[in-house]
């Protein structure tokens, strides 16, 4: 479910996973976001979620809220 919220923001901001990764300070070859997308990271760390929120310019609360 968390990935779908990230994906929604990526679409809204016209940003790719690679662009997000670079904005998060991850290397070009880092597979973290693809692992998250593919469900291999089921419980992302607080640090990872902070980096994602910062890179997408949203509050961490965005990821806590239930979809309507």
PDB file of N, CA and C in Angstrom:
ATOM      1  N   UNK A   1       0.810  -1.179   0.000  1.00  0.00           N
ATOM      2  CA  UNK A   1       0.000   0.000   0.000  1.00  0.00           C
ATOM      3  C   UNK A   1       0.865   1.260   0.000  1.00  0.00           C
ATOM      4  N   UNK A   2       1.940   1.245   0.729  1.00  0.00           N
ATOM      5  CA  UNK A   2       2.826   2.409   0.743  1.00  0.00           C
ATOM      6  C   UNK A   2       3.374   2.715  -0.639  1.00  0.00           C
ATOM      7  N   UNK A   3       3.725   1.661  -1.367  1.00  0.00           N
ATOM      8  CA  UNK A   3       4.283   1.912  -2.699  1.00  0.00           C
ATOM      9  C   UNK A   3       3.278   2.649  -3.577  1.00  0.00           C
ATOM     10  N   UNK A   4       1.995   2.326  -3.461  1.00  0.00           N
ATOM     11  CA  UNK A   4       0.998   2.974  -4.305  1.00  0.00           C
ATOM     12  C   UNK A   4       0.917   4.469  -4.028  1.00  0.00           C
ATOM     13  N   UNK A   5       1.144   4.851  -2.786  1.00  0.00           N
ATOM     14  CA  UNK A   5       1.165   6.278  -2.455  1.00  0.00           C
ATOM     15  C   UNK A   5       2.394   6.948  -3.060  1.00  0.00           C
ATOM     16  N   UNK A   6       3.524   6.258  -3.015  1.00  0.00           N
ATOM     17  CA  UNK A   6       4.745   6.790  -3.641  1.00  0.00           C
ATOM     18  C   UNK A   6       4.520   6.904  -5.144  1.00  0.00           C
ATOM     19  N   UNK A   7       3.969   5.865  -5.733  1.00  0.00           N
ATOM     20  CA  UNK A   7       3.729   5.853  -7.175  1.00  0.00           C
ATOM     21  C   UNK A   7       2.788   6.984  -7.596  1.00  0.00           C
ATOM     22  N   UNK A   8       1.761   7.223  -6.799  1.00  0.00           N
ATOM     23  CA  UNK A   8       0.816   8.299  -7.093  1.00  0.00           C
ATOM     24  C   UNK A   8       1.542   9.647  -7.137  1.00  0.00           C
ATOM     25  N   UNK A   9       2.423   9.867  -6.167  1.00  0.00           N
ATOM     26  CA  UNK A   9       3.185  11.112  -6.137  1.00  0.00           C
ATOM     27  C   UNK A   9       4.159  11.210  -7.307  1.00  0.00           C
ATOM     28  N   UNK A  10       4.767  10.094  -7.661  1.00  0.00           N
ATOM     29  CA  UNK A  10       5.681  10.100  -8.807  1.00  0.00           C
ATOM     30  C   UNK A  10       4.941  10.519 -10.078  1.00  0.00           C
ATOM     31  N   UNK A  11       3.753  10.011 -10.247  1.00  0.00           N
ATOM     32  CA  UNK A  11       2.955  10.365 -11.427  1.00  0.00           C
ATOM     33  C   UNK A  11       2.582  11.848 -11.383  1.00  0.00           C
ATOM     34  N   UNK A  12       2.116  12.309 -10.219  1.00  0.00           N
ATOM     35  CA  UNK A  12       1.729  13.714 -10.070  1.00  0.00           C
ATOM     36  C   UNK A  12       2.897  14.659 -10.349  1.00  0.00           C
ATOM     37  N   UNK A  13       4.096  14.247  -9.946  1.00  0.00           N
ATOM     38  CA  UNK A  13       5.269  15.097 -10.091  1.00  0.00           C
ATOM     39  C   UNK A  13       6.062  14.798 -11.361  1.00  0.00           C
ATOM     40  N   UNK A  14       5.527  13.892 -12.190  1.00  0.00           N
ATOM     41  CA  UNK A  14       6.176  13.502 -13.443  1.00  0.00           C
ATOM     42  C   UNK A  14       7.642  13.134 -13.188  1.00  0.00           C
ATOM     43  N   UNK A  15       7.830  12.209 -12.247  1.00  0.00           N
ATOM     44  CA  UNK A  15       9.168  11.810 -11.813  1.00  0.00           C
ATOM     45  C   UNK A  15       9.320  10.297 -11.950  1.00  0.00           C
ATOM     46  N   UNK A  16      10.475   9.856 -12.367  1.00  0.00           N
ATOM     47  CA  UNK A  16      10.740   8.420 -12.477  1.00  0.00           C
ATOM     48  C   UNK A  16      11.317   7.895 -11.160  1.00  0.00           C
ATOM     49  N   UNK A  17      11.357   6.584 -11.054  1.00  0.00           N
ATOM     50  CA  UNK A  17      11.962   5.966  -9.868  1.00  0.00           C
ATOM     51  C   UNK A  17      13.438   6.342  -9.792  1.00  0.00           C
ATOM     52  N   UNK A  18      14.116   6.364 -10.920  1.00  0.00           N
ATOM     53  CA  UNK A  18      15.532   6.742 -10.927  1.00  0.00           C
ATOM     54  C   UNK A  18      15.724   8.176 -10.468  1.00  0.00           C
ATOM     55  N   UNK A  19      14.864   9.074 -10.917  1.00  0.00           N
ATOM     56  CA  UNK A  19      14.964  10.469 -10.491  1.00  0.00           C
ATOM     57  C   UNK A  19      14.720  10.587  -8.995  1.00  0.00           C
ATOM     58  N   UNK A  20      13.748   9.843  -8.490  1.00  0.00           N
ATOM     59  CA  UNK A  20      13.475   9.840  -7.060  1.00  0.00           C
ATOM     60  C   UNK A  20      14.686   9.333  -6.291  1.00  0.00           C
ATOM     61  N   UNK A  21      15.261   8.233  -6.745  1.00  0.00           N
ATOM     62  CA  UNK A  21      16.428   7.654  -6.078  1.00  0.00           C
ATOM     63  C   UNK A  21      17.573   8.665  -5.999  1.00  0.00           C
ATOM     64  N   UNK A  22      17.833   9.348  -7.111  1.00  0.00           N
ATOM     65  CA  UNK A  22      18.906  10.340  -7.122  1.00  0.00           C
ATOM     66  C   UNK A  22      18.594  11.496  -6.187  1.00  0.00           C
ATOM     67  N   UNK A  23      17.345  11.924  -6.153  1.00  0.00           N
ATOM     68  CA  UNK A  23      16.944  13.014  -5.263  1.00  0.00           C
ATOM     69  C   UNK A  23      17.050  12.596  -3.801  1.00  0.00           C
ATOM     70  N   UNK A  24      16.921  11.299  -3.549  1.00  0.00           N
ATOM     71  CA  UNK A  24      17.051  10.760  -2.196  1.00  0.00           C
ATOM     72  C   UNK A  24      18.514  10.610  -1.789  1.00  0.00           C
ATOM     73  N   UNK A  25      19.417  10.805  -2.739  1.00  0.00           N
ATOM     74  CA  UNK A  25      20.835  10.659  -2.446  1.00  0.00           C
ATOM     75  C   UNK A  25      21.351   9.247  -2.627  1.00  0.00           C
ATOM     76  N   UNK A  26      20.557   8.416  -3.297  1.00  0.00           N
ATOM     77  CA  UNK A  26      20.989   7.046  -3.567  1.00  0.00           C
ATOM     78  C   UNK A  26      21.762   7.029  -4.883  1.00  0.00           C
ATOM     79  N   UNK A  27      22.660   6.084  -5.013  1.00  0.00           N
ATOM     80  CA  UNK A  27      23.448   5.997  -6.247  1.00  0.00           C
ATOM     81  C   UNK A  27      22.582   5.530  -7.405  1.00  0.00           C
ATOM     82  N   UNK A  28      23.057   5.765  -8.594  1.00  0.00           N
ATOM     83  CA  UNK A  28      22.338   5.390  -9.810  1.00  0.00           C
ATOM     84  C   UNK A  28      22.055   3.887  -9.855  1.00  0.00           C
ATOM     85  N   UNK A  29      22.969   3.086  -9.325  1.00  0.00           N
ATOM     86  CA  UNK A  29      22.841   1.628  -9.366  1.00  0.00           C
ATOM     87  C   UNK A  29      22.128   1.042  -8.155  1.00  0.00           C
ATOM     88  N   UNK A  30      21.692   1.905  -7.238  1.00  0.00           N
ATOM     89  CA  UNK A  30      21.015   1.430  -6.042  1.00  0.00           C
ATOM     90  C   UNK A  30      19.641   0.875  -6.418  1.00  0.00           C
ATOM     91  N   UNK A  31      19.330  -0.301  -5.948  1.00  0.00           N
ATOM     92  CA  UNK A  31      18.083  -0.992  -6.309  1.00  0.00           C
ATOM     93  C   UNK A  31      16.995  -0.863  -5.233  1.00  0.00           C
ATOM     94  N   UNK A  32      17.240  -0.070  -4.206  1.00  0.00           N
ATOM     95  CA  UNK A  32      16.323   0.010  -3.071  1.00  0.00           C
ATOM     96  C   UNK A  32      14.896   0.323  -3.490  1.00  0.00           C
ATOM     97  N   UNK A  33      14.702   1.333  -4.317  1.00  0.00           N
ATOM     98  CA  UNK A  33      13.344   1.725  -4.682  1.00  0.00           C
ATOM     99  C   UNK A  33      12.667   0.672  -5.558  1.00  0.00           C
ATOM    100  N   UNK A  34      13.439  -0.023  -6.377  1.00  0.00           N
ATOM    101  CA  UNK A  34      12.850  -1.108  -7.173  1.00  0.00           C
ATOM    102  C   UNK A  34      12.468  -2.291  -6.275  1.00  0.00           C
ATOM    103  N   UNK A  35      13.265  -2.544  -5.243  1.00  0.00           N
ATOM    104  CA  UNK A  35      12.920  -3.598  -4.291  1.00  0.00           C
ATOM    105  C   UNK A  35      11.643  -3.234  -3.539  1.00  0.00           C
ATOM    106  N   UNK A  36      11.518  -1.959  -3.183  1.00  0.00           N
ATOM    107  CA  UNK A  36      10.308  -1.470  -2.521  1.00  0.00           C
ATOM    108  C   UNK A  36       9.113  -1.640  -3.457  1.00  0.00           C
ATOM    109  N   UNK A  37       9.266  -1.232  -4.697  1.00  0.00           N
ATOM    110  CA  UNK A  37       8.193  -1.339  -5.698  1.00  0.00           C
ATOM    111  C   UNK A  37       7.778  -2.790  -5.911  1.00  0.00           C
ATOM    112  N   UNK A  38       8.761  -3.691  -5.971  1.00  0.00           N
ATOM    113  CA  UNK A  38       8.489  -5.106  -6.234  1.00  0.00           C
ATOM    114  C   UNK A  38       8.005  -5.877  -5.006  1.00  0.00           C
ATOM    115  N   UNK A  39       7.880  -5.195  -3.868  1.00  0.00           N
ATOM    116  CA  UNK A  39       7.386  -5.833  -2.659  1.00  0.00           C
ATOM    117  C   UNK A  39       8.435  -6.598  -1.881  1.00  0.00           C
ATOM    118  N   UNK A  40       9.695  -6.460  -2.260  1.00  0.00           N
ATOM    119  CA  UNK A  40      10.764  -7.152  -1.538  1.00  0.00           C
ATOM    120  C   UNK A  40      11.089  -6.441  -0.223  1.00  0.00           C
ATOM    121  N   UNK A  41      10.749  -5.169  -0.151  1.00  0.00           N
ATOM    122  CA  UNK A  41      10.848  -4.427   1.110  1.00  0.00           C
ATOM    123  C   UNK A  41       9.413  -4.221   1.577  1.00  0.00           C
ATOM    124  N   UNK A  42       9.006  -5.032   2.527  1.00  0.00           N
ATOM    125  CA  UNK A  42       7.623  -4.995   2.996  1.00  0.00           C
ATOM    126  C   UNK A  42       7.407  -3.959   4.090  1.00  0.00           C
ATOM    127  N   UNK A  43       8.421  -3.745   4.910  1.00  0.00           N
ATOM    128  CA  UNK A  43       8.348  -2.758   5.985  1.00  0.00           C
ATOM    129  C   UNK A  43       9.541  -1.822   5.846  1.00  0.00           C
ATOM    130  N   UNK A  44       9.389  -0.768   5.042  1.00  0.00           N
ATOM    131  CA  UNK A  44      10.512   0.152   4.842  1.00  0.00           C
ATOM    132  C   UNK A  44      10.896   0.831   6.152  1.00  0.00           C
ATOM    133  N   UNK A  45      12.172   1.105   6.287  1.00  0.00           N
ATOM    134  CA  UNK A  45      12.668   1.729   7.504  1.00  0.00           C
ATOM    135  C   UNK A  45      12.179   3.168   7.613  1.00  0.00           C
ATOM    136  N   UNK A  46      12.217   3.685   8.824  1.00  0.00           N
ATOM    137  CA  UNK A  46      11.857   5.080   9.066  1.00  0.00           C
ATOM    138  C   UNK A  46      12.764   5.992   8.242  1.00  0.00           C
ATOM    139  N   UNK A  47      14.053   5.671   8.206  1.00  0.00           N
ATOM    140  CA  UNK A  47      15.019   6.468   7.442  1.00  0.00           C
ATOM    141  C   UNK A  47      14.655   6.506   5.957  1.00  0.00           C
ATOM    142  N   UNK A  48      14.304   5.355   5.400  1.00  0.00           N
ATOM    143  CA  UNK A  48      13.930   5.303   3.990  1.00  0.00           C
ATOM    144  C   UNK A  48      12.684   6.147   3.736  1.00  0.00           C
ATOM    145  N   UNK A  49      11.681   6.022   4.601  1.00  0.00           N
ATOM    146  CA  UNK A  49      10.452   6.791   4.415  1.00  0.00           C
ATOM    147  C   UNK A  49      10.705   8.290   4.564  1.00  0.00           C
ATOM    148  N   UNK A  50      11.612   8.678   5.446  1.00  0.00           N
ATOM    149  CA  UNK A  50      11.965  10.096   5.576  1.00  0.00           C
ATOM    150  C   UNK A  50      12.601  10.605   4.299  1.00  0.00           C
ATOM    151  N   UNK A  51      13.501   9.818   3.719  1.00  0.00           N
ATOM    152  CA  UNK A  51      14.156  10.211   2.468  1.00  0.00           C
ATOM    153  C   UNK A  51      13.147  10.327   1.330  1.00  0.00           C
ATOM    154  N   UNK A  52      12.218   9.390   1.271  1.00  0.00           N
ATOM    155  CA  UNK A  52      11.185   9.427   0.235  1.00  0.00           C
ATOM    156  C   UNK A  52      10.318  10.665   0.413  1.00  0.00           C
ATOM    157  N   UNK A  53       9.850  10.901   1.630  1.00  0.00           N
ATOM    158  CA  UNK A  53       8.995  12.061   1.901  1.00  0.00           C
ATOM    159  C   UNK A  53       9.713  13.363   1.559  1.00  0.00           C
ATOM    160  N   UNK A  54      10.971  13.479   1.962  1.00  0.00           N
ATOM    161  CA  UNK A  54      11.735  14.687   1.663  1.00  0.00           C
ATOM    162  C   UNK A  54      11.911  14.876   0.160  1.00  0.00           C
ATOM    163  N   UNK A  55      12.240  13.802  -0.536  1.00  0.00           N
ATOM    164  CA  UNK A  55      12.471  13.886  -1.982  1.00  0.00           C
ATOM    165  C   UNK A  55      11.191  14.233  -2.742  1.00  0.00           C
ATOM    166  N   UNK A  56      10.052  13.796  -2.218  1.00  0.00           N
ATOM    167  CA  UNK A  56       8.769  14.069  -2.869  1.00  0.00           C
ATOM    168  C   UNK A  56       8.086  15.317  -2.291  1.00  0.00           C
ATOM    169  N   UNK A  57       8.733  15.938  -1.327  1.00  0.00           N
ATOM    170  CA  UNK A  57       8.245  17.174  -0.716  1.00  0.00           C
ATOM    171  C   UNK A  57       6.858  17.005  -0.097  1.00  0.00           C
ATOM    172  N   UNK A  58       6.722  15.931   0.695  1.00  0.00           N
ATOM    173  CA  UNK A  58       5.484  15.693   1.443  1.00  0.00           C
ATOM    174  C   UNK A  58       5.844  15.367   2.883  1.00  0.00           C
ATOM    175  N   UNK A  59       4.862  15.472   3.743  1.00  0.00           N
ATOM    176  CA  UNK A  59       5.035  15.113   5.142  1.00  0.00           C
ATOM    177  C   UNK A  59       4.977  13.594   5.288  1.00  0.00           C
ATOM    178  N   UNK A  60       5.622  13.085   6.309  1.00  0.00           N
ATOM    179  CA  UNK A  60       5.509  11.653   6.603  1.00  0.00           C
ATOM    180  C   UNK A  60       4.054  11.269   6.878  1.00  0.00           C
ATOM    181  N   UNK A  61       3.281  12.217   7.362  1.00  0.00           N
ATOM    182  CA  UNK A  61       1.869  11.951   7.633  1.00  0.00           C
ATOM    183  C   UNK A  61       1.115  11.524   6.376  1.00  0.00           C
ATOM    184  N   UNK A  62       1.573  11.972   5.220  1.00  0.00           N
ATOM    185  CA  UNK A  62       0.931  11.574   3.963  1.00  0.00           C
ATOM    186  C   UNK A  62       0.899  10.052   3.838  1.00  0.00           C
ATOM    187  N   UNK A  63       1.938   9.395   4.298  1.00  0.00           N
ATOM    188  CA  UNK A  63       2.033   7.941   4.172  1.00  0.00           C
ATOM    189  C   UNK A  63       1.275   7.213   5.275  1.00  0.00           C
ATOM    190  N   UNK A  64       0.887   7.924   6.308  1.00  0.00           N
ATOM    191  CA  UNK A  64       0.141   7.306   7.414  1.00  0.00           C
ATOM    192  C   UNK A  64      -1.352   7.329   7.174  1.00  0.00           C
ATOM    193  N   UNK A  65      -1.822   8.290   6.409  1.00  0.00           N
ATOM    194  CA  UNK A  65      -3.245   8.462   6.199  1.00  0.00           C
ATOM    195  C   UNK A  65      -3.802   7.350   5.324  1.00  0.00           C
ATOM    196  N   UNK A  66      -5.018   6.946   5.659  1.00  0.00           N
ATOM    197  CA  UNK A  66      -5.721   5.944   4.861  1.00  0.00           C
ATOM    198  C   UNK A  66      -6.283   6.608   3.615  1.00  0.00           C
ATOM    199  N   UNK A  67      -6.281   5.873   2.514  1.00  0.00           N
ATOM    200  CA  UNK A  67      -6.878   6.374   1.273  1.00  0.00           C
ATOM    201  C   UNK A  67      -8.379   6.386   1.408  1.00  0.00           C
ATOM    202  N   UNK A  68      -9.013   7.385   0.848  1.00  0.00           N
ATOM    203  CA  UNK A  68     -10.488   7.466   0.903  1.00  0.00           C
ATOM    204  C   UNK A  68     -11.096   6.730  -0.261  1.00  0.00           C
TER     205      UNK A  68
END
